[in-house]
PDB file of N, CA and C in Angstrom:
ATOM      1  N   UNK A   1      -6.559  10.169   7.407  1.00  0.00           N
ATOM      2  CA  UNK A   1      -6.446  10.568   6.047  1.00  0.00           C
ATOM      3  C   UNK A   1      -5.188  11.367   5.805  1.00  0.00           C
ATOM      4  N   UNK A   2      -4.482  11.055   4.720  1.00  0.00           N
ATOM      5  CA  UNK A   2      -3.328  11.755   4.270  1.00  0.00           C
ATOM      6  C   UNK A   2      -2.195  11.826   5.280  1.00  0.00           C
ATOM      7  N   UNK A   3      -2.155  10.892   6.224  1.00  0.00           N
ATOM      8  CA  UNK A   3      -1.094  10.847   7.194  1.00  0.00           C
ATOM      9  C   UNK A   3      -0.077   9.749   6.843  1.00  0.00           C
ATOM     10  N   UNK A   4       0.441   9.132   7.856  1.00  0.00           N
ATOM     11  CA  UNK A   4       1.428   8.046   7.700  1.00  0.00           C
ATOM     12  C   UNK A   4       0.772   6.738   8.080  1.00  0.00           C
ATOM     13  N   UNK A   5       1.074   5.683   7.312  1.00  0.00           N
ATOM     14  CA  UNK A   5       0.431   4.384   7.622  1.00  0.00           C
ATOM     15  C   UNK A   5       0.998   3.762   8.890  1.00  0.00           C
ATOM     16  N   UNK A   6       0.117   3.096   9.626  1.00  0.00           N
ATOM     17  CA  UNK A   6       0.580   2.257  10.766  1.00  0.00           C
ATOM     18  C   UNK A   6       0.851   0.886  10.188  1.00  0.00           C
ATOM     19  N   UNK A   7       2.119   0.596   9.941  1.00  0.00           N
ATOM     20  CA  UNK A   7       2.495  -0.638   9.299  1.00  0.00           C
ATOM     21  C   UNK A   7       2.336  -1.847  10.192  1.00  0.00           C
ATOM     22  N   UNK A   8       1.794  -2.941   9.608  1.00  0.00           N
ATOM     23  CA  UNK A   8       1.681  -4.158  10.330  1.00  0.00           C
ATOM     24  C   UNK A   8       2.843  -5.094  10.013  1.00  0.00           C
ATOM     25  N   UNK A   9       3.011  -5.395   8.737  1.00  0.00           N
ATOM     26  CA  UNK A   9       4.067  -6.320   8.313  1.00  0.00           C
ATOM     27  C   UNK A   9       5.005  -5.696   7.300  1.00  0.00           C
ATOM     28  N   UNK A  10       4.453  -4.958   6.314  1.00  0.00           N
ATOM     29  CA  UNK A  10       5.248  -4.419   5.250  1.00  0.00           C
ATOM     30  C   UNK A  10       4.814  -2.934   5.035  1.00  0.00           C
ATOM     31  N   UNK A  11       5.720  -2.207   4.408  1.00  0.00           N
ATOM     32  CA  UNK A  11       5.404  -0.802   4.050  1.00  0.00           C
ATOM     33  C   UNK A  11       4.358  -0.871   2.944  1.00  0.00           C
ATOM     34  N   UNK A  12       3.159  -0.339   3.176  1.00  0.00           N
ATOM     35  CA  UNK A  12       2.115  -0.388   2.125  1.00  0.00           C
ATOM     36  C   UNK A  12       2.492   0.371   0.859  1.00  0.00           C
ATOM     37  N   UNK A  13       3.339   1.357   0.952  1.00  0.00           N
ATOM     38  CA  UNK A  13       3.776   2.128  -0.209  1.00  0.00           C
ATOM     39  C   UNK A  13       4.651   1.280  -1.112  1.00  0.00           C
ATOM     40  N   UNK A  14       5.502   0.472  -0.516  1.00  0.00           N
ATOM     41  CA  UNK A  14       6.352  -0.448  -1.296  1.00  0.00           C
ATOM     42  C   UNK A  14       5.433  -1.478  -1.976  1.00  0.00           C
ATOM     43  N   UNK A  15       4.460  -1.980  -1.251  1.00  0.00           N
ATOM     44  CA  UNK A  15       3.529  -2.981  -1.840  1.00  0.00           C
ATOM     45  C   UNK A  15       2.794  -2.346  -3.028  1.00  0.00           C
ATOM     46  N   UNK A  16       2.278  -1.142  -2.866  1.00  0.00           N
ATOM     47  CA  UNK A  16       1.627  -0.454  -3.975  1.00  0.00           C
ATOM     48  C   UNK A  16       2.535  -0.208  -5.143  1.00  0.00           C
ATOM     49  N   UNK A  17       3.763   0.221  -4.864  1.00  0.00           N
ATOM     50  CA  UNK A  17       4.724   0.540  -5.910  1.00  0.00           C
ATOM     51  C   UNK A  17       5.060  -0.729  -6.717  1.00  0.00           C
ATOM     52  N   UNK A  18       5.287  -1.832  -6.058  1.00  0.00           N
ATOM     53  CA  UNK A  18       5.626  -3.077  -6.763  1.00  0.00           C
ATOM     54  C   UNK A  18       4.414  -3.584  -7.536  1.00  0.00           C
ATOM     55  N   UNK A  19       3.254  -3.632  -6.900  1.00  0.00           N
ATOM     56  CA  UNK A  19       2.048  -4.131  -7.534  1.00  0.00           C
ATOM     57  C   UNK A  19       1.648  -3.295  -8.764  1.00  0.00           C
ATOM     58  N   UNK A  20       1.808  -2.016  -8.674  1.00  0.00           N
ATOM     59  CA  UNK A  20       1.444  -1.107  -9.780  1.00  0.00           C
ATOM     60  C   UNK A  20       2.367  -1.277 -10.978  1.00  0.00           C
ATOM     61  N   UNK A  21       3.528  -1.940 -10.785  1.00  0.00           N
ATOM     62  CA  UNK A  21       4.433  -2.254 -11.866  1.00  0.00           C
ATOM     63  C   UNK A  21       4.368  -3.718 -12.248  1.00  0.00           C
ATOM     64  N   UNK A  22       3.340  -4.387 -11.817  1.00  0.00           N
ATOM     65  CA  UNK A  22       3.131  -5.782 -12.209  1.00  0.00           C
ATOM     66  C   UNK A  22       3.950  -6.860 -11.462  1.00  0.00           C
ATOM     67  N   UNK A  23       4.522  -6.467 -10.351  1.00  0.00           N
ATOM     68  CA  UNK A  23       5.332  -7.420  -9.575  1.00  0.00           C
ATOM     69  C   UNK A  23       4.562  -7.892  -8.363  1.00  0.00           C
ATOM     70  N   UNK A  24       4.797  -9.139  -8.015  1.00  0.00           N
ATOM     71  CA  UNK A  24       4.114  -9.728  -6.826  1.00  0.00           C
ATOM     72  C   UNK A  24       4.927  -9.254  -5.581  1.00  0.00           C
ATOM     73  N   UNK A  25       4.317  -8.406  -4.763  1.00  0.00           N
ATOM     74  CA  UNK A  25       5.041  -7.807  -3.639  1.00  0.00           C
ATOM     75  C   UNK A  25       5.549  -8.809  -2.627  1.00  0.00           C
ATOM     76  N   UNK A  26       4.880  -9.938  -2.472  1.00  0.00           N
ATOM     77  CA  UNK A  26       5.262 -10.871  -1.396  1.00  0.00           C
ATOM     78  C   UNK A  26       6.277 -11.932  -1.807  1.00  0.00           C
ATOM     79  N   UNK A  27       6.649 -11.957  -3.082  1.00  0.00           N
ATOM     80  CA  UNK A  27       7.602 -12.972  -3.569  1.00  0.00           C
ATOM     81  C   UNK A  27       9.011 -12.519  -3.202  1.00  0.00           C
ATOM     82  N   UNK A  28       9.724 -13.355  -2.421  1.00  0.00           N
ATOM     83  CA  UNK A  28      11.059 -12.961  -1.943  1.00  0.00           C
ATOM     84  C   UNK A  28      12.030 -12.870  -3.085  1.00  0.00           C
ATOM     85  N   UNK A  29      11.907 -13.646  -4.187  1.00  0.00           N
ATOM     86  CA  UNK A  29      12.817 -13.554  -5.321  1.00  0.00           C
ATOM     87  C   UNK A  29      12.718 -12.154  -5.962  1.00  0.00           C
ATOM     88  N   UNK A  30      11.495 -11.654  -6.100  1.00  0.00           N
ATOM     89  CA  UNK A  30      11.312 -10.340  -6.712  1.00  0.00           C
ATOM     90  C   UNK A  30      11.964  -9.250  -5.912  1.00  0.00           C
ATOM     91  N   UNK A  31      11.955  -9.387  -4.608  1.00  0.00           N
ATOM     92  CA  UNK A  31      12.471  -8.323  -3.726  1.00  0.00           C
ATOM     93  C   UNK A  31      13.972  -8.136  -3.808  1.00  0.00           C
ATOM     94  N   UNK A  32      14.717  -9.031  -4.477  1.00  0.00           N
ATOM     95  CA  UNK A  32      16.190  -8.949  -4.517  1.00  0.00           C
ATOM     96  C   UNK A  32      16.718  -8.413  -5.851  1.00  0.00           C
ATOM     97  N   UNK A  33      15.884  -8.221  -6.823  1.00  0.00           N
ATOM     98  CA  UNK A  33      16.380  -7.783  -8.127  1.00  0.00           C
ATOM     99  C   UNK A  33      16.699  -6.300  -8.142  1.00  0.00           C
ATOM    100  N   UNK A  34      17.492  -5.892  -9.153  1.00  0.00           N
ATOM    101  CA  UNK A  34      17.845  -4.464  -9.335  1.00  0.00           C
ATOM    102  C   UNK A  34      16.584  -3.631  -9.603  1.00  0.00           C
ATOM    103  N   UNK A  35      15.698  -4.203 -10.416  1.00  0.00           N
ATOM    104  CA  UNK A  35      14.472  -3.480 -10.757  1.00  0.00           C
ATOM    105  C   UNK A  35      13.657  -3.197  -9.476  1.00  0.00           C
ATOM    106  N   UNK A  36      13.533  -4.173  -8.601  1.00  0.00           N
ATOM    107  CA  UNK A  36      12.760  -4.002  -7.388  1.00  0.00           C
ATOM    108  C   UNK A  36      13.442  -2.979  -6.472  1.00  0.00           C
ATOM    109  N   UNK A  37      14.768  -2.985  -6.412  1.00  0.00           N
ATOM    110  CA  UNK A  37      15.482  -2.002  -5.603  1.00  0.00           C
ATOM    111  C   UNK A  37      15.215  -0.615  -6.122  1.00  0.00           C
ATOM    112  N   UNK A  38      15.210  -0.401  -7.433  1.00  0.00           N
ATOM    113  CA  UNK A  38      14.917   0.889  -8.043  1.00  0.00           C
ATOM    114  C   UNK A  38      13.466   1.318  -7.707  1.00  0.00           C
ATOM    115  N   UNK A  39      12.539   0.366  -7.816  1.00  0.00           N
ATOM    116  CA  UNK A  39      11.137   0.701  -7.562  1.00  0.00           C
ATOM    117  C   UNK A  39      10.904   0.986  -6.074  1.00  0.00           C
ATOM    118  N   UNK A  40      11.576   0.257  -5.232  1.00  0.00           N
ATOM    119  CA  UNK A  40      11.428   0.486  -3.764  1.00  0.00           C
ATOM    120  C   UNK A  40      11.911   1.888  -3.411  1.00  0.00           C
ATOM    121  N   UNK A  41      12.947   2.328  -4.069  1.00  0.00           N
ATOM    122  CA  UNK A  41      13.502   3.671  -3.791  1.00  0.00           C
ATOM    123  C   UNK A  41      12.519   4.755  -4.211  1.00  0.00           C
ATOM    124  N   UNK A  42      11.611   4.423  -5.178  1.00  0.00           N
ATOM    125  CA  UNK A  42      10.670   5.418  -5.663  1.00  0.00           C
ATOM    126  C   UNK A  42       9.351   5.381  -4.864  1.00  0.00           C
ATOM    127  N   UNK A  43       9.315   4.680  -3.770  1.00  0.00           N
ATOM    128  CA  UNK A  43       8.118   4.595  -2.915  1.00  0.00           C
ATOM    129  C   UNK A  43       7.683   5.924  -2.331  1.00  0.00           C
ATOM    130  N   UNK A  44       8.613   6.878  -2.265  1.00  0.00           N
ATOM    131  CA  UNK A  44       8.330   8.213  -1.694  1.00  0.00           C
ATOM    132  C   UNK A  44       7.256   8.958  -2.448  1.00  0.00           C
ATOM    133  N   UNK A  45       6.950   8.546  -3.674  1.00  0.00           N
ATOM    134  CA  UNK A  45       5.934   9.222  -4.473  1.00  0.00           C
ATOM    135  C   UNK A  45       4.503   8.827  -4.118  1.00  0.00           C
ATOM    136  N   UNK A  46       4.322   7.977  -3.115  1.00  0.00           N
ATOM    137  CA  UNK A  46       2.986   7.464  -2.731  1.00  0.00           C
ATOM    138  C   UNK A  46       2.451   8.256  -1.523  1.00  0.00           C
ATOM    139  N   UNK A  47       1.146   8.435  -1.483  1.00  0.00           N
ATOM    140  CA  UNK A  47       0.501   9.072  -0.327  1.00  0.00           C
ATOM    141  C   UNK A  47      -0.660   8.240   0.164  1.00  0.00           C
ATOM    142  N   UNK A  48      -0.856   8.228   1.434  1.00  0.00           N
ATOM    143  CA  UNK A  48      -1.977   7.525   2.062  1.00  0.00           C
ATOM    144  C   UNK A  48      -3.237   8.421   1.937  1.00  0.00           C
ATOM    145  N   UNK A  49      -4.232   7.893   1.261  1.00  0.00           N
ATOM    146  CA  UNK A  49      -5.498   8.585   1.202  1.00  0.00           C
ATOM    147  C   UNK A  49      -6.316   8.299   2.419  1.00  0.00           C
ATOM    148  N   UNK A  50      -6.369   7.018   2.825  1.00  0.00           N
ATOM    149  CA  UNK A  50      -7.228   6.613   3.946  1.00  0.00           C
ATOM    150  C   UNK A  50      -6.711   5.309   4.491  1.00  0.00           C
ATOM    151  N   UNK A  51      -6.731   5.188   5.812  1.00  0.00           N
ATOM    152  CA  UNK A  51      -6.421   3.948   6.515  1.00  0.00           C
ATOM    153  C   UNK A  51      -7.599   3.568   7.368  1.00  0.00           C
ATOM    154  N   UNK A  52      -8.016   2.301   7.259  1.00  0.00           N
ATOM    155  CA  UNK A  52      -9.209   1.848   8.012  1.00  0.00           C
ATOM    156  C   UNK A  52      -8.760   0.661   8.861  1.00  0.00           C
ATOM    157  N   UNK A  53      -8.931   0.815  10.154  1.00  0.00           N
ATOM    158  CA  UNK A  53      -8.551  -0.202  11.109  1.00  0.00           C
ATOM    159  C   UNK A  53      -9.732  -1.161  11.334  1.00  0.00           C
ATOM    160  N   UNK A  54      -9.406  -2.375  11.757  1.00  0.00           N
ATOM    161  CA  UNK A  54     -10.449  -3.340  12.121  1.00  0.00           C
ATOM    162  C   UNK A  54     -11.148  -2.907  13.395  1.00  0.00           C
ATOM    163  N   UNK A  55     -12.477  -3.052  13.411  1.00  0.00           N
ATOM    164  CA  UNK A  55     -13.260  -2.851  14.643  1.00  0.00           C
ATOM    165  C   UNK A  55     -14.261  -4.002  14.686  1.00  0.00           C
ATOM    166  N   UNK A  56     -13.867  -5.062  15.333  1.00  0.00           N
ATOM    167  CA  UNK A  56     -14.692  -6.280  15.284  1.00  0.00           C
ATOM    168  C   UNK A  56     -16.055  -6.095  15.938  1.00  0.00           C
ATOM    169  N   UNK A  57     -16.185  -5.179  16.867  1.00  0.00           N
ATOM    170  CA  UNK A  57     -17.486  -4.938  17.532  1.00  0.00           C
ATOM    171  C   UNK A  57     -18.579  -4.464  16.593  1.00  0.00           C
ATOM    172  N   UNK A  58     -18.205  -3.850  15.482  1.00  0.00           N
ATOM    173  CA  UNK A  58     -19.206  -3.405  14.506  1.00  0.00           C
ATOM    174  C   UNK A  58     -19.118  -4.168  13.202  1.00  0.00           C
ATOM    175  N   UNK A  59     -18.382  -5.289  13.216  1.00  0.00           N
ATOM    176  CA  UNK A  59     -18.318  -6.142  12.026  1.00  0.00           C
ATOM    177  C   UNK A  59     -17.311  -5.765  11.000  1.00  0.00           C
ATOM    178  N   UNK A  60     -16.375  -4.878  11.320  1.00  0.00           N
ATOM    179  CA  UNK A  60     -15.305  -4.506  10.387  1.00  0.00           C
ATOM    180  C   UNK A  60     -14.031  -5.173  10.858  1.00  0.00           C
ATOM    181  N   UNK A  61     -13.822  -6.410  10.413  1.00  0.00           N
ATOM    182  CA  UNK A  61     -12.624  -7.166  10.816  1.00  0.00           C
ATOM    183  C   UNK A  61     -11.910  -7.605   9.566  1.00  0.00           C
ATOM    184  N   UNK A  62     -10.840  -6.917   9.180  1.00  0.00           N
ATOM    185  CA  UNK A  62     -10.123  -7.173   7.983  1.00  0.00           C
ATOM    186  C   UNK A  62      -9.091  -8.259   8.227  1.00  0.00           C
ATOM    187  N   UNK A  63      -9.459  -9.507   7.902  1.00  0.00           N
ATOM    188  CA  UNK A  63      -8.515 -10.644   7.953  1.00  0.00           C
ATOM    189  C   UNK A  63      -7.731 -10.695   9.286  1.00  0.00           C
ATOM    190  N   UNK A  64      -8.440 -10.968  10.343  1.00  0.00           N
ATOM    191  CA  UNK A  64      -7.804 -11.138  11.643  1.00  0.00           C
ATOM    192  C   UNK A  64      -7.152  -9.876  12.176  1.00  0.00           C
ATOM    193  N   UNK A  65      -7.974  -8.850  12.374  1.00  0.00           N
ATOM    194  CA  UNK A  65      -7.522  -7.576  12.906  1.00  0.00           C
ATOM    195  C   UNK A  65      -6.540  -6.834  12.041  1.00  0.00           C
ATOM    196  N   UNK A  66      -6.785  -6.801  10.777  1.00  0.00           N
ATOM    197  CA  UNK A  66      -5.899  -6.158   9.827  1.00  0.00           C
ATOM    198  C   UNK A  66      -6.249  -4.683   9.623  1.00  0.00           C
ATOM    199  N   UNK A  67      -5.586  -4.094   8.628  1.00  0.00           N
ATOM    200  CA  UNK A  67      -5.770  -2.702   8.239  1.00  0.00           C
ATOM    201  C   UNK A  67      -5.983  -2.635   6.732  1.00  0.00           C
ATOM    202  N   UNK A  68      -6.761  -1.662   6.306  1.00  0.00           N
ATOM    203  CA  UNK A  68      -6.892  -1.341   4.897  1.00  0.00           C
ATOM    204  C   UNK A  68      -6.137  -0.050   4.643  1.00  0.00           C
ATOM    205  N   UNK A  69      -5.323  -0.018   3.610  1.00  0.00           N
ATOM    206  CA  UNK A  69      -4.596   1.195   3.210  1.00  0.00           C
ATOM    207  C   UNK A  69      -5.022   1.570   1.808  1.00  0.00           C
ATOM    208  N   UNK A  70      -5.563   2.759   1.610  1.00  0.00           N
ATOM    209  CA  UNK A  70      -5.911   3.252   0.316  1.00  0.00           C
ATOM    210  C   UNK A  70      -4.889   4.342  -0.062  1.00  0.00           C
ATOM    211  N   UNK A  71      -4.065   4.053  -1.093  1.00  0.00           N
ATOM    212  CA  UNK A  71      -2.948   4.907  -1.423  1.00  0.00           C
ATOM    213  C   UNK A  71      -2.999   5.337  -2.864  1.00  0.00           C
ATOM    214  N   UNK A  72      -2.283   6.415  -3.154  1.00  0.00           N
ATOM    215  CA  UNK A  72      -2.232   6.969  -4.510  1.00  0.00           C
ATOM    216  C   UNK A  72      -0.892   7.662  -4.736  1.00  0.00           C
ATOM    217  N   UNK A  73      -0.406   7.703  -5.967  1.00  0.00           N
ATOM    218  CA  UNK A  73       0.799   8.434  -6.285  1.00  0.00           C
ATOM    219  C   UNK A  73       0.519   9.922  -6.275  1.00  0.00           C
ATOM    220  N   UNK A  74       1.514  10.722  -5.898  1.00  0.00           N
ATOM    221  CA  UNK A  74       1.388  12.167  -5.833  1.00  0.00           C
ATOM    222  C   UNK A  74       0.874  12.732  -7.161  1.00  0.00           C
ATOM    223  N   UNK A  75       1.464  12.277  -8.259  1.00  0.00           N
ATOM    224  CA  UNK A  75       1.094  12.822  -9.587  1.00  0.00           C
ATOM    225  C   UNK A  75      -0.353  12.508  -9.920  1.00  0.00           C
ATOM    226  N   UNK A  76      -0.825  11.332  -9.532  1.00  0.00           N
ATOM    227  CA  UNK A  76      -2.234  10.971  -9.765  1.00  0.00           C
ATOM    228  C   UNK A  76      -3.169  11.757  -8.854  1.00  0.00           C
ATOM    229  N   UNK A  77      -2.741  12.037  -7.660  1.00  0.00           N
ATOM    230  CA  UNK A  77      -3.540  12.838  -6.719  1.00  0.00           C
ATOM    231  C   UNK A  77      -3.708  14.254  -7.250  1.00  0.00           C
ATOM    232  N   UNK A  78      -2.587  14.834  -7.749  1.00  0.00           N
ATOM    233  CA  UNK A  78      -2.652  16.197  -8.325  1.00  0.00           C
ATOM    234  C   UNK A  78      -3.578  16.219  -9.534  1.00  0.00           C
ATOM    235  N   UNK A  79      -3.556  15.165 -10.340  1.00  0.00           N
ATOM    236  CA  UNK A  79      -4.371  15.077 -11.571  1.00  0.00           C
ATOM    237  C   UNK A  79      -5.799  14.581 -11.266  1.00  0.00           C
ATOM    238  N   UNK A  80      -6.042  14.244  -9.987  1.00  0.00           N
ATOM    239  CA  UNK A  80      -7.326  13.678  -9.544  1.00  0.00           C
ATOM    240  C   UNK A  80      -7.712  12.450 -10.330  1.00  0.00           C
ATOM    241  N   UNK A  81      -6.686  11.637 -10.617  1.00  0.00           N
ATOM    242  CA  UNK A  81      -6.854  10.396 -11.355  1.00  0.00           C
ATOM    243  C   UNK A  81      -7.003   9.241 -10.362  1.00  0.00           C
ATOM    244  N   UNK A  82      -8.186   9.024  -9.880  1.00  0.00           N
ATOM    245  CA  UNK A  82      -8.434   8.041  -8.830  1.00  0.00           C
ATOM    246  C   UNK A  82      -8.332   6.619  -9.334  1.00  0.00           C
ATOM    247  N   UNK A  83      -8.365   6.431 -10.675  1.00  0.00           N
ATOM    248  CA  UNK A  83      -8.262   5.077 -11.253  1.00  0.00           C
ATOM    249  C   UNK A  83      -6.965   4.408 -10.941  1.00  0.00           C
ATOM    250  N   UNK A  84      -5.930   5.164 -10.634  1.00  0.00           N
ATOM    251  CA  UNK A  84      -4.634   4.606 -10.371  1.00  0.00           C
ATOM    252  C   UNK A  84      -4.340   4.452  -8.873  1.00  0.00           C
ATOM    253  N   UNK A  85      -5.349   4.557  -8.010  1.00  0.00           N
ATOM    254  CA  UNK A  85      -5.147   4.380  -6.586  1.00  0.00           C
ATOM    255  C   UNK A  85      -5.195   2.873  -6.278  1.00  0.00           C
ATOM    256  N   UNK A  86      -4.599   2.503  -5.147  1.00  0.00           N
ATOM    257  CA  UNK A  86      -4.532   1.079  -4.757  1.00  0.00           C
ATOM    258  C   UNK A  86      -5.077   0.886  -3.346  1.00  0.00           C
ATOM    259  N   UNK A  87      -5.762  -0.218  -3.150  1.00  0.00           N
ATOM    260  CA  UNK A  87      -6.235  -0.610  -1.821  1.00  0.00           C
ATOM    261  C   UNK A  87      -5.478  -1.846  -1.405  1.00  0.00           C
ATOM    262  N   UNK A  88      -4.775  -1.805  -0.298  1.00  0.00           N
ATOM    263  CA  UNK A  88      -3.985  -2.895   0.201  1.00  0.00           C
ATOM    264  C   UNK A  88      -4.554  -3.313   1.585  1.00  0.00           C
ATOM    265  N   UNK A  89      -4.611  -4.608   1.809  1.00  0.00           N
ATOM    266  CA  UNK A  89      -5.024  -5.116   3.103  1.00  0.00           C
ATOM    267  C   UNK A  89      -3.878  -5.877   3.712  1.00  0.00           C
ATOM    268  N   UNK A  90      -3.597  -5.629   4.968  1.00  0.00           N
ATOM    269  CA  UNK A  90      -2.593  -6.378   5.707  1.00  0.00           C
ATOM    270  C   UNK A  90      -3.118  -6.833   7.058  1.00  0.00           C
ATOM    271  N   UNK A  91      -2.628  -7.968   7.473  1.00  0.00           N
ATOM    272  CA  UNK A  91      -3.036  -8.478   8.794  1.00  0.00           C
ATOM    273  C   UNK A  91      -1.853  -9.147   9.425  1.00  0.00           C
ATOM    274  N   UNK A  92      -2.013  -9.517  10.668  1.00  0.00           N
ATOM    275  CA  UNK A  92      -0.918 -10.207  11.405  1.00  0.00           C
ATOM    276  C   UNK A  92      -0.645 -11.569  10.882  1.00  0.00           C
TER     277      UNK A  92
END
């Protein structure tokens, strides 16, 4: 909780930042625009609330040994506005 994410493929904070602004994080065309560059630079405002790893022995297997990242912006955390938090799943 509240630490640094163990990244699998992409920075989950960049994914949250782009998705929260209505952009598809995985589209390569989106990642090259000036707007995306500006948004990527603002990724520092995100914090990891919780990271959940896959544990197949107890039935928690997120898409082939993936991870769940629950993140929120600093301003929303200070305001305790949980409605603006994001849950991202990544796998290999």
